[in-house]
Each structure stands twice: as C-alpha cells, then as structure tokens.
C-alpha cells in the first residue's frame, strides 16, 4: 500500500492514517472488553490489545480500497 491522502493540502501516508484509525478502534474495543469483564479470561491484557490492533490494522489495510483509500 503506497500512497498519500491529502488533508487540507498536507499529504499524510495512508498507513499512518489507517494506524490511527486502528488505534482508536482498539481503544474503543478495549473499553468495551473492560466494561463487560472479558479481560478476566486472558492472562496478558497487553498482548491481547496488541493482537487486536494488528488484526484491526490488517483488516483496514485489506478493506482500504473498498472504503475509498486508493494508492
């Protein structure tokens, strides 16, 4: 995935933008997991959060042509 997205004349790498979106989604899902008490079933919370971020970033990178981010 090579390319930039222009935001008010400033070119931002696509992966940086997808990483920020994935981080925000990870934070939201971590708060939901914490609210429902799902973290008590895992041994390493930080590892679960990292894996969740990587999965969301991969999903966003895969779906980026579908949502309009074209390189």
PDB file of N, CA and C in Angstrom:
ATOM      1  N   UNK A   1       0.849  -1.158   0.000  1.00  0.00           N
ATOM      2  CA  UNK A   1       0.000   0.000   0.000  1.00  0.00           C
ATOM      3  C   UNK A   1       0.903   1.231   0.000  1.00  0.00           C
ATOM      4  N   UNK A   2       1.001   1.850  -1.133  1.00  0.00           N
ATOM      5  CA  UNK A   2       1.808   3.052  -1.282  1.00  0.00           C
ATOM      6  C   UNK A   2       0.879   4.173  -1.674  1.00  0.00           C
ATOM      7  N   UNK A   3       1.023   5.292  -1.037  1.00  0.00           N
ATOM      8  CA  UNK A   3       0.192   6.417  -1.399  1.00  0.00           C
ATOM      9  C   UNK A   3       0.001   7.366  -0.241  1.00  0.00           C
ATOM     10  N   UNK A   4      -0.506   8.514  -0.583  1.00  0.00           N
ATOM     11  CA  UNK A   4      -0.780   9.537   0.417  1.00  0.00           C
ATOM     12  C   UNK A   4      -2.210  10.027   0.252  1.00  0.00           C
ATOM     13  N   UNK A   5      -2.703  10.589   1.330  1.00  0.00           N
ATOM     14  CA  UNK A   5      -4.019  11.201   1.328  1.00  0.00           C
ATOM     15  C   UNK A   5      -3.829  12.666   1.673  1.00  0.00           C
ATOM     16  N   UNK A   6      -4.395  13.547   0.883  1.00  0.00           N
ATOM     17  CA  UNK A   6      -4.263  14.979   1.125  1.00  0.00           C
ATOM     18  C   UNK A   6      -5.357  15.437   2.091  1.00  0.00           C
ATOM     19  N   UNK A   7      -4.918  15.991   3.218  1.00  0.00           N
ATOM     20  CA  UNK A   7      -5.838  16.559   4.207  1.00  0.00           C
ATOM     21  C   UNK A   7      -5.496  18.034   4.321  1.00  0.00           C
ATOM     22  N   UNK A   8      -6.324  18.876   3.721  1.00  0.00           N
ATOM     23  CA  UNK A   8      -6.099  20.332   3.684  1.00  0.00           C
ATOM     24  C   UNK A   8      -4.720  20.695   3.132  1.00  0.00           C
ATOM     25  N   UNK A   9      -4.295  20.005   2.099  1.00  0.00           N
ATOM     26  CA  UNK A   9      -3.030  20.304   1.458  1.00  0.00           C
ATOM     27  C   UNK A   9      -1.831  19.636   2.088  1.00  0.00           C
ATOM     28  N   UNK A  10      -2.018  18.898   3.160  1.00  0.00           N
ATOM     29  CA  UNK A  10      -0.924  18.184   3.816  1.00  0.00           C
ATOM     30  C   UNK A  10      -1.057  16.711   3.447  1.00  0.00           C
ATOM     31  N   UNK A  11       0.004  16.164   2.874  1.00  0.00           N
ATOM     32  CA  UNK A  11      -0.020  14.767   2.471  1.00  0.00           C
ATOM     33  C   UNK A  11       0.342  13.877   3.650  1.00  0.00           C
ATOM     34  N   UNK A  12      -0.559  12.941   3.947  1.00  0.00           N
ATOM     35  CA  UNK A  12      -0.394  12.017   5.064  1.00  0.00           C
ATOM     36  C   UNK A  12      -0.297  10.613   4.483  1.00  0.00           C
ATOM     37  N   UNK A  13       0.705   9.815   4.918  1.00  0.00           N
ATOM     38  CA  UNK A  13       0.772   8.438   4.422  1.00  0.00           C
ATOM     39  C   UNK A  13      -0.480   7.652   4.805  1.00  0.00           C
ATOM     40  N   UNK A  14      -0.920   6.818   3.892  1.00  0.00           N
ATOM     41  CA  UNK A  14      -2.140   6.060   4.102  1.00  0.00           C
ATOM     42  C   UNK A  14      -2.026   5.136   5.307  1.00  0.00           C
ATOM     43  N   UNK A  15      -0.880   4.490   5.472  1.00  0.00           N
ATOM     44  CA  UNK A  15      -0.707   3.575   6.595  1.00  0.00           C
ATOM     45  C   UNK A  15      -0.732   4.302   7.930  1.00  0.00           C
ATOM     46  N   UNK A  16      -0.242   5.540   7.961  1.00  0.00           N
ATOM     47  CA  UNK A  16      -0.316   6.315   9.197  1.00  0.00           C
ATOM     48  C   UNK A  16      -1.772   6.597   9.562  1.00  0.00           C
ATOM     49  N   UNK A  17      -2.547   6.978   8.582  1.00  0.00           N
ATOM     50  CA  UNK A  17      -3.965   7.244   8.821  1.00  0.00           C
ATOM     51  C   UNK A  17      -4.705   5.976   9.241  1.00  0.00           C
ATOM     52  N   UNK A  18      -4.403   4.865   8.587  1.00  0.00           N
ATOM     53  CA  UNK A  18      -5.035   3.599   8.967  1.00  0.00           C
ATOM     54  C   UNK A  18      -4.589   3.156  10.354  1.00  0.00           C
ATOM     55  N   UNK A  19      -3.333   3.427  10.710  1.00  0.00           N
ATOM     56  CA  UNK A  19      -2.847   3.096  12.044  1.00  0.00           C
ATOM     57  C   UNK A  19      -3.551   3.892  13.127  1.00  0.00           C
ATOM     58  N   UNK A  20      -3.807   5.153  12.863  1.00  0.00           N
ATOM     59  CA  UNK A  20      -4.525   5.988  13.839  1.00  0.00           C
ATOM     60  C   UNK A  20      -5.964   5.498  13.992  1.00  0.00           C
ATOM     61  N   UNK A  21      -6.601   5.157  12.886  1.00  0.00           N
ATOM     62  CA  UNK A  21      -7.971   4.634  12.952  1.00  0.00           C
ATOM     63  C   UNK A  21      -8.002   3.310  13.710  1.00  0.00           C
ATOM     64  N   UNK A  22      -7.019   2.436  13.424  1.00  0.00           N
ATOM     65  CA  UNK A  22      -6.954   1.153  14.129  1.00  0.00           C
ATOM     66  C   UNK A  22      -6.706   1.353  15.617  1.00  0.00           C
ATOM     67  N   UNK A  23      -5.888   2.339  15.986  1.00  0.00           N
ATOM     68  CA  UNK A  23      -5.632   2.606  17.402  1.00  0.00           C
ATOM     69  C   UNK A  23      -6.902   3.094  18.106  1.00  0.00           C
ATOM     70  N   UNK A  24      -7.648   3.970  17.448  1.00  0.00           N
ATOM     71  CA  UNK A  24      -8.896   4.450  18.045  1.00  0.00           C
ATOM     72  C   UNK A  24      -9.917   3.319  18.209  1.00  0.00           C
ATOM     73  N   UNK A  25      -9.998   2.443  17.211  1.00  0.00           N
ATOM     74  CA  UNK A  25     -10.892   1.297  17.318  1.00  0.00           C
ATOM     75  C   UNK A  25     -10.432   0.329  18.404  1.00  0.00           C
ATOM     76  N   UNK A  26      -9.125   0.157  18.549  1.00  0.00           N
ATOM     77  CA  UNK A  26      -8.597  -0.712  19.594  1.00  0.00           C
ATOM     78  C   UNK A  26      -8.922  -0.166  20.975  1.00  0.00           C
ATOM     79  N   UNK A  27      -8.786   1.139  21.152  1.00  0.00           N
ATOM     80  CA  UNK A  27      -9.117   1.753  22.438  1.00  0.00           C
ATOM     81  C   UNK A  27     -10.594   1.570  22.751  1.00  0.00           C
ATOM     82  N   UNK A  28     -11.441   1.761  21.743  1.00  0.00           N
ATOM     83  CA  UNK A  28     -12.888   1.600  21.955  1.00  0.00           C
ATOM     84  C   UNK A  28     -13.232   0.149  22.310  1.00  0.00           C
ATOM     85  N   UNK A  29     -12.631  -0.807  21.602  1.00  0.00           N
ATOM     86  CA  UNK A  29     -12.915  -2.209  21.895  1.00  0.00           C
ATOM     87  C   UNK A  29     -12.340  -2.629  23.245  1.00  0.00           C
ATOM     88  N   UNK A  30     -11.193  -2.081  23.623  1.00  0.00           N
ATOM     89  CA  UNK A  30     -10.612  -2.401  24.925  1.00  0.00           C
ATOM     90  C   UNK A  30     -11.508  -1.891  26.055  1.00  0.00           C
ATOM     91  N   UNK A  31     -12.095  -0.725  25.862  1.00  0.00           N
ATOM     92  CA  UNK A  31     -13.022  -0.213  26.873  1.00  0.00           C
ATOM     93  C   UNK A  31     -14.277  -1.081  26.963  1.00  0.00           C
ATOM     94  N   UNK A  32     -14.748  -1.570  25.816  1.00  0.00           N
ATOM     95  CA  UNK A  32     -15.901  -2.480  25.835  1.00  0.00           C
ATOM     96  C   UNK A  32     -15.555  -3.807  26.511  1.00  0.00           C
ATOM     97  N   UNK A  33     -14.374  -4.344  26.194  1.00  0.00           N
ATOM     98  CA  UNK A  33     -13.940  -5.588  26.831  1.00  0.00           C
ATOM     99  C   UNK A  33     -13.829  -5.417  28.337  1.00  0.00           C
ATOM    100  N   UNK A  34     -13.310  -4.268  28.749  1.00  0.00           N
ATOM    101  CA  UNK A  34     -13.169  -3.994  30.171  1.00  0.00           C
ATOM    102  C   UNK A  34     -14.538  -3.820  30.841  1.00  0.00           C
ATOM    103  N   UNK A  35     -15.458  -3.165  30.150  1.00  0.00           N
ATOM    104  CA  UNK A  35     -16.786  -2.944  30.721  1.00  0.00           C
ATOM    105  C   UNK A  35     -17.557  -4.250  30.900  1.00  0.00           C
ATOM    106  N   UNK A  36     -17.376  -5.182  29.962  1.00  0.00           N
ATOM    107  CA  UNK A  36     -18.077  -6.456  30.054  1.00  0.00           C
ATOM    108  C   UNK A  36     -17.295  -7.511  30.826  1.00  0.00           C
ATOM    109  N   UNK A  37     -16.094  -7.173  31.284  1.00  0.00           N
ATOM    110  CA  UNK A  37     -15.305  -8.099  32.082  1.00  0.00           C
ATOM    111  C   UNK A  37     -14.679  -9.236  31.305  1.00  0.00           C
ATOM    112  N   UNK A  38     -14.398  -9.020  30.040  1.00  0.00           N
ATOM    113  CA  UNK A  38     -13.817 -10.087  29.223  1.00  0.00           C
ATOM    114  C   UNK A  38     -12.309 -10.247  29.434  1.00  0.00           C
ATOM    115  N   UNK A  39     -11.670  -9.265  30.015  1.00  0.00           N
ATOM    116  CA  UNK A  39     -10.229  -9.356  30.236  1.00  0.00           C
ATOM    117  C   UNK A  39      -9.879 -10.345  31.353  1.00  0.00           C
ATOM    118  N   UNK A  40     -10.829 -10.765  32.138  1.00  0.00           N
ATOM    119  CA  UNK A  40     -10.517 -11.714  33.198  1.00  0.00           C
ATOM    120  C   UNK A  40     -10.262 -13.110  32.640  1.00  0.00           C
ATOM    121  N   UNK A  41     -10.593 -13.333  31.360  1.00  0.00           N
ATOM    122  CA  UNK A  41     -10.364 -14.628  30.735  1.00  0.00           C
ATOM    123  C   UNK A  41      -9.005 -14.741  30.049  1.00  0.00           C
ATOM    124  N   UNK A  42      -8.224 -13.667  30.035  1.00  0.00           N
ATOM    125  CA  UNK A  42      -6.917 -13.696  29.378  1.00  0.00           C
ATOM    126  C   UNK A  42      -5.827 -13.458  30.414  1.00  0.00           C
ATOM    127  N   UNK A  43      -4.632 -13.981  30.134  1.00  0.00           N
ATOM    128  CA  UNK A  43      -3.522 -13.845  31.073  1.00  0.00           C
ATOM    129  C   UNK A  43      -2.761 -12.539  30.863  1.00  0.00           C
ATOM    130  N   UNK A  44      -2.601 -12.127  29.608  1.00  0.00           N
ATOM    131  CA  UNK A  44      -1.796 -10.956  29.296  1.00  0.00           C
ATOM    132  C   UNK A  44      -2.638  -9.949  28.518  1.00  0.00           C
ATOM    133  N   UNK A  45      -3.117  -8.954  29.216  1.00  0.00           N
ATOM    134  CA  UNK A  45      -4.000  -7.969  28.602  1.00  0.00           C
ATOM    135  C   UNK A  45      -3.290  -7.179  27.506  1.00  0.00           C
ATOM    136  N   UNK A  46      -2.036  -6.828  27.732  1.00  0.00           N
ATOM    137  CA  UNK A  46      -1.293  -6.041  26.746  1.00  0.00           C
ATOM    138  C   UNK A  46      -1.107  -6.820  25.446  1.00  0.00           C
ATOM    139  N   UNK A  47      -0.890  -8.119  25.549  1.00  0.00           N
ATOM    140  CA  UNK A  47      -0.738  -8.939  24.351  1.00  0.00           C
ATOM    141  C   UNK A  47      -2.043  -9.027  23.572  1.00  0.00           C
ATOM    142  N   UNK A  48      -3.153  -9.113  24.272  1.00  0.00           N
ATOM    143  CA  UNK A  48      -4.468  -9.130  23.620  1.00  0.00           C
ATOM    144  C   UNK A  48      -4.709  -7.799  22.911  1.00  0.00           C
ATOM    145  N   UNK A  49      -4.361  -6.697  23.560  1.00  0.00           N
ATOM    146  CA  UNK A  49      -4.526  -5.382  22.929  1.00  0.00           C
ATOM    147  C   UNK A  49      -3.648  -5.247  21.692  1.00  0.00           C
ATOM    148  N   UNK A  50      -2.416  -5.735  21.764  1.00  0.00           N
ATOM    149  CA  UNK A  50      -1.524  -5.677  20.603  1.00  0.00           C
ATOM    150  C   UNK A  50      -2.071  -6.513  19.451  1.00  0.00           C
ATOM    151  N   UNK A  51      -2.524  -7.709  19.756  1.00  0.00           N
ATOM    152  CA  UNK A  51      -3.092  -8.563  18.706  1.00  0.00           C
ATOM    153  C   UNK A  51      -4.352  -7.960  18.104  1.00  0.00           C
ATOM    154  N   UNK A  52      -5.151  -7.335  18.940  1.00  0.00           N
ATOM    155  CA  UNK A  52      -6.356  -6.669  18.447  1.00  0.00           C
ATOM    156  C   UNK A  52      -5.998  -5.523  17.508  1.00  0.00           C
ATOM    157  N   UNK A  53      -4.967  -4.750  17.860  1.00  0.00           N
ATOM    158  CA  UNK A  53      -4.518  -3.661  16.997  1.00  0.00           C
ATOM    159  C   UNK A  53      -4.014  -4.190  15.657  1.00  0.00           C
ATOM    160  N   UNK A  54      -3.207  -5.239  15.697  1.00  0.00           N
ATOM    161  CA  UNK A  54      -2.657  -5.801  14.448  1.00  0.00           C
ATOM    162  C   UNK A  54      -3.774  -6.346  13.570  1.00  0.00           C
ATOM    163  N   UNK A  55      -4.740  -7.024  14.178  1.00  0.00           N
ATOM    164  CA  UNK A  55      -5.863  -7.544  13.394  1.00  0.00           C
ATOM    165  C   UNK A  55      -6.695  -6.428  12.779  1.00  0.00           C
ATOM    166  N   UNK A  56      -6.963  -5.388  13.547  1.00  0.00           N
ATOM    167  CA  UNK A  56      -7.739  -4.271  13.005  1.00  0.00           C
ATOM    168  C   UNK A  56      -6.977  -3.526  11.911  1.00  0.00           C
ATOM    169  N   UNK A  57      -5.672  -3.353  12.102  1.00  0.00           N
ATOM    170  CA  UNK A  57      -4.874  -2.686  11.067  1.00  0.00           C
ATOM    171  C   UNK A  57      -4.844  -3.511   9.788  1.00  0.00           C
ATOM    172  N   UNK A  58      -4.699  -4.812   9.905  1.00  0.00           N
ATOM    173  CA  UNK A  58      -4.736  -5.679   8.729  1.00  0.00           C
ATOM    174  C   UNK A  58      -6.082  -5.643   8.032  1.00  0.00           C
ATOM    175  N   UNK A  59      -7.148  -5.635   8.822  1.00  0.00           N
ATOM    176  CA  UNK A  59      -8.493  -5.558   8.242  1.00  0.00           C
ATOM    177  C   UNK A  59      -8.714  -4.236   7.531  1.00  0.00           C
ATOM    178  N   UNK A  60      -8.258  -3.146   8.122  1.00  0.00           N
ATOM    179  CA  UNK A  60      -8.399  -1.840   7.480  1.00  0.00           C
ATOM    180  C   UNK A  60      -7.553  -1.744   6.210  1.00  0.00           C
ATOM    181  N   UNK A  61      -6.344  -2.294   6.245  1.00  0.00           N
ATOM    182  CA  UNK A  61      -5.477  -2.265   5.057  1.00  0.00           C
ATOM    183  C   UNK A  61      -6.089  -3.101   3.936  1.00  0.00           C
ATOM    184  N   UNK A  62      -6.682  -4.231   4.298  1.00  0.00           N
ATOM    185  CA  UNK A  62      -7.314  -5.070   3.296  1.00  0.00           C
ATOM    186  C   UNK A  62      -8.553  -4.396   2.709  1.00  0.00           C
ATOM    187  N   UNK A  63      -9.306  -3.700   3.559  1.00  0.00           N
ATOM    188  CA  UNK A  63     -10.560  -3.101   3.120  1.00  0.00           C
ATOM    189  C   UNK A  63     -10.379  -1.663   2.619  1.00  0.00           C
ATOM    190  N   UNK A  64      -9.178  -1.141   2.643  1.00  0.00           N
ATOM    191  CA  UNK A  64      -8.991   0.259   2.253  1.00  0.00           C
ATOM    192  C   UNK A  64      -9.410   0.581   0.817  1.00  0.00           C
ATOM    193  N   UNK A  65      -9.199  -0.291  -0.168  1.00  0.00           N
ATOM    194  CA  UNK A  65      -9.738   0.040  -1.493  1.00  0.00           C
ATOM    195  C   UNK A  65     -11.265   0.078  -1.513  1.00  0.00           C
ATOM    196  N   UNK A  66     -11.896  -0.684  -0.645  1.00  0.00           N
ATOM    197  CA  UNK A  66     -13.361  -0.700  -0.613  1.00  0.00           C
ATOM    198  C   UNK A  66     -13.940   0.566   0.010  1.00  0.00           C
ATOM    199  N   UNK A  67     -13.189   1.191   0.950  1.00  0.00           N
ATOM    200  CA  UNK A  67     -13.701   2.379   1.609  1.00  0.00           C
ATOM    201  C   UNK A  67     -13.192   3.669   0.976  1.00  0.00           C
ATOM    202  N   UNK A  68     -12.412   3.547  -0.092  1.00  0.00           N
ATOM    203  CA  UNK A  68     -12.048   4.738  -0.859  1.00  0.00           C
ATOM    204  C   UNK A  68     -10.623   5.189  -0.734  1.00  0.00           C
ATOM    205  N   UNK A  69      -9.781   4.514   0.040  1.00  0.00           N
ATOM    206  CA  UNK A  69      -8.363   4.893   0.121  1.00  0.00           C
ATOM    207  C   UNK A  69      -7.633   4.186  -1.001  1.00  0.00           C
ATOM    208  N   UNK A  70      -7.314   4.927  -2.027  1.00  0.00           N
ATOM    209  CA  UNK A  70      -6.610   4.332  -3.164  1.00  0.00           C
ATOM    210  C   UNK A  70      -5.183   4.860  -3.206  1.00  0.00           C
ATOM    211  N   UNK A  71      -4.228   3.956  -3.460  1.00  0.00           N
ATOM    212  CA  UNK A  71      -2.835   4.413  -3.531  1.00  0.00           C
ATOM    213  C   UNK A  71      -2.547   5.253  -4.739  1.00  0.00           C
TER     214      UNK A  71
END
